[in-house]
């Protein structure tokens, strides 16, 4: 079942991994990578869905999307 993805995704290049990394800070441990921006985001969407499905199966709380996070 696809979920409406509304979580912030932080995307950056990792020299160590030689890949784009897509982190989802609102979902602990949720991250993906890819050789392009598009691939990293697509992989993050899959991982977000899997994260939510796993949390539901384990009876864990699923954080509501907060939208854009502000860092100072």
Protein backbone atom coordinates (compact mmCIF):
# COMPACT_ATOMS: atom_id res chain seq x y z
CA UNK A 1 0.00 0.00 0.00
CA UNK A 2 1.68 3.27 -1.08
CA UNK A 3 1.69 6.07 1.46
CA UNK A 4 1.52 9.78 0.82
CA UNK A 5 5.15 10.86 1.27
CA UNK A 6 5.22 14.19 3.10
CA UNK A 7 8.37 13.80 5.14
CA UNK A 8 11.35 16.07 4.65
CA UNK A 9 14.20 14.45 2.71
CA UNK A 10 17.70 15.88 3.08
CA UNK A 11 19.77 15.09 0.00
CA UNK A 12 23.57 15.43 -0.27
CA UNK A 13 26.61 13.98 -1.99
CA UNK A 14 28.83 11.64 0.07
CA UNK A 15 32.44 11.43 -1.05
CA UNK A 16 32.99 8.41 1.21
CA UNK A 17 30.09 6.48 -0.37
CA UNK A 18 30.46 8.07 -3.82
CA UNK A 19 26.68 8.38 -3.91
CA UNK A 20 23.87 10.80 -3.16
CA UNK A 21 22.45 10.21 0.32
CA UNK A 22 18.78 10.88 1.11
CA UNK A 23 18.08 11.13 4.86
CA UNK A 24 14.62 11.37 6.42
CA UNK A 25 15.26 13.04 9.80
CA UNK A 26 11.69 12.62 11.09
CA UNK A 27 11.96 8.82 10.83
CA UNK A 28 14.94 7.60 12.89
CA UNK A 29 17.38 5.52 10.88
CA UNK A 30 15.53 6.12 7.62
CA UNK A 31 17.96 6.83 4.76
CA UNK A 32 18.72 5.70 1.23
CA UNK A 33 21.30 6.34 -1.46
CA UNK A 34 21.59 6.47 -5.22
CA UNK A 35 23.96 7.31 -8.04
CA UNK A 36 21.78 10.31 -9.01
CA UNK A 37 19.53 12.75 -7.12
CA UNK A 38 16.50 11.14 -8.71
CA UNK A 39 17.55 7.62 -7.78
CA UNK A 40 18.31 8.62 -4.17
CA UNK A 41 14.88 10.27 -3.80
CA UNK A 42 13.10 7.30 -5.42
CA UNK A 43 14.94 4.92 -3.09
CA UNK A 44 14.07 7.14 -0.10
CA UNK A 45 10.37 6.94 -1.03
CA UNK A 46 10.59 3.13 -0.96
CA UNK A 47 12.44 3.14 2.37
CA UNK A 48 9.90 5.55 3.89
CA UNK A 49 7.08 3.18 2.95
CA UNK A 50 8.99 0.21 4.36
CA UNK A 51 9.78 2.16 7.56
CA UNK A 52 6.07 2.94 8.05
CA UNK A 53 5.01 -0.64 7.31
CA UNK A 54 7.56 -2.03 9.77
CA UNK A 55 6.55 0.45 12.47
CA UNK A 56 2.90 -0.55 12.02
CA UNK A 57 3.73 -4.25 12.22
CA UNK A 58 5.70 -3.68 15.44
CA UNK A 59 3.02 -1.43 16.93
CA UNK A 60 5.37 1.56 17.07
CA UNK A 61 4.35 5.18 16.79
CA UNK A 62 4.61 6.76 13.35
CA UNK A 63 5.51 10.45 13.59
CA UNK A 64 3.24 12.86 11.75
CA UNK A 65 5.10 14.74 9.01
CA UNK A 66 6.15 18.19 10.27
CA UNK A 67 7.06 19.59 6.91
CA UNK A 68 10.12 21.73 6.52
CA UNK A 69 12.43 21.60 9.49
CA UNK A 70 14.33 24.73 10.49
CA UNK A 71 17.88 24.50 11.79
CA UNK A 72 19.75 27.30 13.50
